[in-house]
């Protein structure tokens, strides 16, 4: 039968196509997540707070996203040269740390979002943050790096507060 002669090459072609398409990798260019740069420690970190602030005047700055986090590092050695970073989304946000009255630390930092500059608009200087490819599965990570040590810790929770508008 003529149909059988046509079906065999078609079936063979479909099997080859299915085998070629089966892969653990997604189609297209993929970036494999890198290992985290520092070992993760169990440290009592409180909730990470995030709040968007809309600017009060027209400029290329669309919004700023503010982050703050508190925690106790009683059992950790921290020296003056420690660089603090919040690893979130696909960027590394530099953090400032200050000691609170109760001895705990508060870290804070921000990320700015910009639009293209148009005529008559104030142009704010854009801050470009370093990016990363770590797969945090929607979490944030506090990263501490100094000349003598490197460690990371996950906040207990992540709370997104309501957006506010600057006057």
C-alpha atoms as a PDB file:
ATOM      1  CA  UNK A   1       0.000   0.000   0.000  1.00  0.00           C
ATOM      2  CA  UNK A   2       1.314   3.457  -0.936  1.00  0.00           C
ATOM      3  CA  UNK A   3       0.250   4.956   2.376  1.00  0.00           C
ATOM      4  CA  UNK A   4       2.657   2.711   4.351  1.00  0.00           C
ATOM      5  CA  UNK A   5       5.604   3.879   2.257  1.00  0.00           C
ATOM      6  CA  UNK A   6       4.731   7.477   3.126  1.00  0.00           C
ATOM      7  CA  UNK A   7       3.963   6.880   6.845  1.00  0.00           C
ATOM      8  CA  UNK A   8       7.287   5.245   7.759  1.00  0.00           C
ATOM      9  CA  UNK A   9       9.516   8.237   6.777  1.00  0.00           C
ATOM     10  CA  UNK A  10       7.021  10.633   8.372  1.00  0.00           C
ATOM     11  CA  UNK A  11       6.969   8.621  11.626  1.00  0.00           C
ATOM     12  CA  UNK A  12      10.775   8.395  11.646  1.00  0.00           C
ATOM     13  CA  UNK A  13      11.057  12.160  11.081  1.00  0.00           C
ATOM     14  CA  UNK A  14       8.654  12.856  13.998  1.00  0.00           C
ATOM     15  CA  UNK A  15      10.605  10.571  16.370  1.00  0.00           C
ATOM     16  CA  UNK A  16      13.894  12.282  15.479  1.00  0.00           C
ATOM     17  CA  UNK A  17      12.285  15.713  15.961  1.00  0.00           C
ATOM     18  CA  UNK A  18      10.862  14.748  19.373  1.00  0.00           C
ATOM     19  CA  UNK A  19      14.201  13.357  20.538  1.00  0.00           C
ATOM     20  CA  UNK A  20      15.999  16.495  19.375  1.00  0.00           C
ATOM     21  CA  UNK A  21      13.553  18.751  21.203  1.00  0.00           C
ATOM     22  CA  UNK A  22      13.715  16.842  24.499  1.00  0.00           C
ATOM     23  CA  UNK A  23      16.219  18.508  26.767  1.00  0.00           C
ATOM     24  CA  UNK A  24      16.482  19.668  30.344  1.00  0.00           C
ATOM     25  CA  UNK A  25      17.496  23.113  29.126  1.00  0.00           C
ATOM     26  CA  UNK A  26      14.915  25.723  28.098  1.00  0.00           C
ATOM     27  CA  UNK A  27      14.862  26.697  24.454  1.00  0.00           C
ATOM     28  CA  UNK A  28      17.039  29.635  23.512  1.00  0.00           C
ATOM     29  CA  UNK A  29      20.013  31.057  25.356  1.00  0.00           C
ATOM     30  CA  UNK A  30      20.026  30.179  29.025  1.00  0.00           C
ATOM     31  CA  UNK A  31      22.257  31.308  31.863  1.00  0.00           C
ATOM     32  CA  UNK A  32      22.907  28.762  34.576  1.00  0.00           C
ATOM     33  CA  UNK A  33      22.649  30.189  38.083  1.00  0.00           C
ATOM     34  CA  UNK A  34      25.987  30.614  39.784  1.00  0.00           C
ATOM     35  CA  UNK A  35      26.806  29.372  43.240  1.00  0.00           C
ATOM     36  CA  UNK A  36      26.347  32.016  45.912  1.00  0.00           C
ATOM     37  CA  UNK A  37      29.655  33.800  46.539  1.00  0.00           C
ATOM     38  CA  UNK A  38      29.698  33.199  50.296  1.00  0.00           C
ATOM     39  CA  UNK A  39      28.465  30.494  52.657  1.00  0.00           C
ATOM     40  CA  UNK A  40      25.014  31.095  54.142  1.00  0.00           C
ATOM     41  CA  UNK A  41      24.835  31.429  57.925  1.00  0.00           C
ATOM     42  CA  UNK A  42      21.839  31.143  60.202  1.00  0.00           C
ATOM     43  CA  UNK A  43      21.603  34.651  61.633  1.00  0.00           C
ATOM     44  CA  UNK A  44      18.580  36.286  63.287  1.00  0.00           C
ATOM     45  CA  UNK A  45      17.532  38.800  60.668  1.00  0.00           C
ATOM     46  CA  UNK A  46      14.162  40.467  60.949  1.00  0.00           C
ATOM     47  CA  UNK A  47      11.803  41.312  58.143  1.00  0.00           C
ATOM     48  CA  UNK A  48      13.125  43.003  55.033  1.00  0.00           C
ATOM     49  CA  UNK A  49      10.937  45.985  54.165  1.00  0.00           C
ATOM     50  CA  UNK A  50      10.554  47.437  50.687  1.00  0.00           C
ATOM     51  CA  UNK A  51       8.722  50.635  49.786  1.00  0.00           C
ATOM     52  CA  UNK A  52       8.468  52.505  46.486  1.00  0.00           C
ATOM     53  CA  UNK A  53       8.697  56.298  46.559  1.00  0.00           C
ATOM     54  CA  UNK A  54       7.417  58.336  43.620  1.00  0.00           C
ATOM     55  CA  UNK A  55       9.319  61.581  43.003  1.00  0.00           C
ATOM     56  CA  UNK A  56       7.568  64.901  43.581  1.00  0.00           C
ATOM     57  CA  UNK A  57       8.699  66.504  40.313  1.00  0.00           C
ATOM     58  CA  UNK A  58       8.952  65.579  36.658  1.00  0.00           C
ATOM     59  CA  UNK A  59      12.279  63.980  35.762  1.00  0.00           C
ATOM     60  CA  UNK A  60      13.651  60.823  34.242  1.00  0.00           C
ATOM     61  CA  UNK A  61      13.513  59.275  37.731  1.00  0.00           C
ATOM     62  CA  UNK A  62      10.311  57.188  37.752  1.00  0.00           C
ATOM     63  CA  UNK A  63      10.587  55.825  41.300  1.00  0.00           C
ATOM     64  CA  UNK A  64      12.972  54.812  44.026  1.00  0.00           C
ATOM     65  CA  UNK A  65      12.618  51.537  45.828  1.00  0.00           C
ATOM     66  CA  UNK A  66      13.801  51.783  49.426  1.00  0.00           C
ATOM     67  CA  UNK A  67      14.946  48.716  51.407  1.00  0.00           C
ATOM     68  CA  UNK A  68      15.635  48.355  55.137  1.00  0.00           C
ATOM     69  CA  UNK A  69      16.392  45.396  57.366  1.00  0.00           C
ATOM     70  CA  UNK A  70      17.275  44.925  61.036  1.00  0.00           C
ATOM     71  CA  UNK A  71      19.066  42.120  62.811  1.00  0.00           C
ATOM     72  CA  UNK A  72      21.449  41.052  65.517  1.00  0.00           C
ATOM     73  CA  UNK A  73      25.005  39.994  64.783  1.00  0.00           C
ATOM     74  CA  UNK A  74      25.961  39.242  68.396  1.00  0.00           C
ATOM     75  CA  UNK A  75      27.752  36.006  67.492  1.00  0.00           C
ATOM     76  CA  UNK A  76      29.349  37.284  64.272  1.00  0.00           C
ATOM     77  CA  UNK A  77      32.636  39.077  63.842  1.00  0.00           C
ATOM     78  CA  UNK A  78      32.075  42.308  61.936  1.00  0.00           C
ATOM     79  CA  UNK A  79      34.857  44.737  61.221  1.00  0.00           C
ATOM     80  CA  UNK A  80      34.840  48.289  59.896  1.00  0.00           C
ATOM     81  CA  UNK A  81      35.802  47.179  56.382  1.00  0.00           C
ATOM     82  CA  UNK A  82      32.667  45.052  55.876  1.00  0.00           C
ATOM     83  CA  UNK A  83      30.816  45.855  52.663  1.00  0.00           C
ATOM     84  CA  UNK A  84      27.083  45.185  52.972  1.00  0.00           C
ATOM     85  CA  UNK A  85      25.011  44.287  49.908  1.00  0.00           C
ATOM     86  CA  UNK A  86      21.395  43.302  49.371  1.00  0.00           C
ATOM     87  CA  UNK A  87      21.050  40.714  46.618  1.00  0.00           C
ATOM     88  CA  UNK A  88      17.546  41.085  45.185  1.00  0.00           C
ATOM     89  CA  UNK A  89      15.917  40.503  41.795  1.00  0.00           C
ATOM     90  CA  UNK A  90      18.873  40.653  39.417  1.00  0.00           C
ATOM     91  CA  UNK A  91      20.899  43.407  41.125  1.00  0.00           C
ATOM     92  CA  UNK A  92      23.301  43.997  44.005  1.00  0.00           C
ATOM     93  CA  UNK A  93      22.200  46.976  46.108  1.00  0.00           C
ATOM     94  CA  UNK A  94      24.880  48.580  48.307  1.00  0.00           C
ATOM     95  CA  UNK A  95      23.680  48.985  51.898  1.00  0.00           C
ATOM     96  CA  UNK A  96      24.613  51.300  54.736  1.00  0.00           C
ATOM     97  CA  UNK A  97      24.684  49.853  58.242  1.00  0.00           C
ATOM     98  CA  UNK A  98      24.164  51.701  61.503  1.00  0.00           C
ATOM     99  CA  UNK A  99      23.967  50.472  65.061  1.00  0.00           C
ATOM    100  CA  UNK A 100      20.667  51.028  66.874  1.00  0.00           C
ATOM    101  CA  UNK A 101      20.352  51.887  70.584  1.00  0.00           C
ATOM    102  CA  UNK A 102      19.606  48.261  71.452  1.00  0.00           C
ATOM    103  CA  UNK A 103      22.849  47.093  69.787  1.00  0.00           C
ATOM    104  CA  UNK A 104      21.183  45.616  66.712  1.00  0.00           C
ATOM    105  CA  UNK A 105      22.080  46.744  63.198  1.00  0.00           C
ATOM    106  CA  UNK A 106      19.868  48.445  60.636  1.00  0.00           C
ATOM    107  CA  UNK A 107      20.830  48.147  56.979  1.00  0.00           C
ATOM    108  CA  UNK A 108      19.293  50.444  54.363  1.00  0.00           C
ATOM    109  CA  UNK A 109      19.697  51.072  50.665  1.00  0.00           C
ATOM    110  CA  UNK A 110      17.779  52.043  47.549  1.00  0.00           C
ATOM    111  CA  UNK A 111      17.343  51.267  43.892  1.00  0.00           C
ATOM    112  CA  UNK A 112      16.267  53.860  41.308  1.00  0.00           C
ATOM    113  CA  UNK A 113      14.237  53.301  38.149  1.00  0.00           C
ATOM    114  CA  UNK A 114      14.570  55.672  35.191  1.00  0.00           C
ATOM    115  CA  UNK A 115      12.716  56.586  31.996  1.00  0.00           C
ATOM    116  CA  UNK A 116      14.216  58.053  28.836  1.00  0.00           C
ATOM    117  CA  UNK A 117      14.800  61.819  29.048  1.00  0.00           C
ATOM    118  CA  UNK A 118      12.366  63.924  27.024  1.00  0.00           C
ATOM    119  CA  UNK A 119      12.380  67.610  26.146  1.00  0.00           C
ATOM    120  CA  UNK A 120      11.768  69.933  29.085  1.00  0.00           C
ATOM    121  CA  UNK A 121      12.352  67.178  31.642  1.00  0.00           C
ATOM    122  CA  UNK A 122      14.937  67.344  34.380  1.00  0.00           C
ATOM    123  CA  UNK A 123      17.601  64.697  33.793  1.00  0.00           C
ATOM    124  CA  UNK A 124      18.780  62.996  36.972  1.00  0.00           C
ATOM    125  CA  UNK A 125      22.106  61.172  36.826  1.00  0.00           C
ATOM    126  CA  UNK A 126      21.399  57.462  36.535  1.00  0.00           C
ATOM    127  CA  UNK A 127      22.874  55.036  39.049  1.00  0.00           C
ATOM    128  CA  UNK A 128      23.743  51.695  37.485  1.00  0.00           C
ATOM    129  CA  UNK A 129      23.803  48.776  39.915  1.00  0.00           C
ATOM    130  CA  UNK A 130      25.926  45.667  39.518  1.00  0.00           C
ATOM    131  CA  UNK A 131      23.902  42.684  38.309  1.00  0.00           C
ATOM    132  CA  UNK A 132      24.007  38.995  39.261  1.00  0.00           C
ATOM    133  CA  UNK A 133      22.727  35.674  37.921  1.00  0.00           C
ATOM    134  CA  UNK A 134      22.091  33.805  41.169  1.00  0.00           C
ATOM    135  CA  UNK A 135      18.759  32.009  41.303  1.00  0.00           C
ATOM    136  CA  UNK A 136      17.286  33.176  44.629  1.00  0.00           C
ATOM    137  CA  UNK A 137      13.792  31.872  43.786  1.00  0.00           C
ATOM    138  CA  UNK A 138      12.148  35.203  44.672  1.00  0.00           C
ATOM    139  CA  UNK A 139      14.060  35.699  47.940  1.00  0.00           C
ATOM    140  CA  UNK A 140      16.479  38.411  49.030  1.00  0.00           C
ATOM    141  CA  UNK A 141      19.914  37.841  50.541  1.00  0.00           C
ATOM    142  CA  UNK A 142      22.112  39.958  52.826  1.00  0.00           C
ATOM    143  CA  UNK A 143      25.727  39.650  51.736  1.00  0.00           C
ATOM    144  CA  UNK A 144      28.671  40.669  53.969  1.00  0.00           C
ATOM    145  CA  UNK A 145      32.162  40.880  52.490  1.00  0.00           C
ATOM    146  CA  UNK A 146      35.380  42.018  54.150  1.00  0.00           C
ATOM    147  CA  UNK A 147      39.070  41.333  53.687  1.00  0.00           C
ATOM    148  CA  UNK A 148      38.932  38.474  56.206  1.00  0.00           C
ATOM    149  CA  UNK A 149      35.429  37.021  55.829  1.00  0.00           C
ATOM    150  CA  UNK A 150      32.468  36.534  53.527  1.00  0.00           C
ATOM    151  CA  UNK A 151      28.998  35.292  54.495  1.00  0.00           C
ATOM    152  CA  UNK A 152      25.352  35.653  53.558  1.00  0.00           C
ATOM    153  CA  UNK A 153      21.991  35.347  55.337  1.00  0.00           C
ATOM    154  CA  UNK A 154      18.323  35.300  54.355  1.00  0.00           C
ATOM    155  CA  UNK A 155      15.825  37.681  56.031  1.00  0.00           C
ATOM    156  CA  UNK A 156      12.994  36.059  58.003  1.00  0.00           C
ATOM    157  CA  UNK A 157      10.346  37.646  55.743  1.00  0.00           C
ATOM    158  CA  UNK A 158       9.937  40.254  53.011  1.00  0.00           C
ATOM    159  CA  UNK A 159       7.192  42.879  53.316  1.00  0.00           C
ATOM    160  CA  UNK A 160       6.273  45.256  50.486  1.00  0.00           C
ATOM    161  CA  UNK A 161       4.762  48.430  51.924  1.00  0.00           C
ATOM    162  CA  UNK A 162       2.405  50.816  50.119  1.00  0.00           C
ATOM    163  CA  UNK A 163       3.861  53.179  47.551  1.00  0.00           C
ATOM    164  CA  UNK A 164       4.188  56.765  48.735  1.00  0.00           C
ATOM    165  CA  UNK A 165       4.544  60.002  46.758  1.00  0.00           C
ATOM    166  CA  UNK A 166       7.148  62.590  47.682  1.00  0.00           C
ATOM    167  CA  UNK A 167       5.815  66.141  48.092  1.00  0.00           C
END
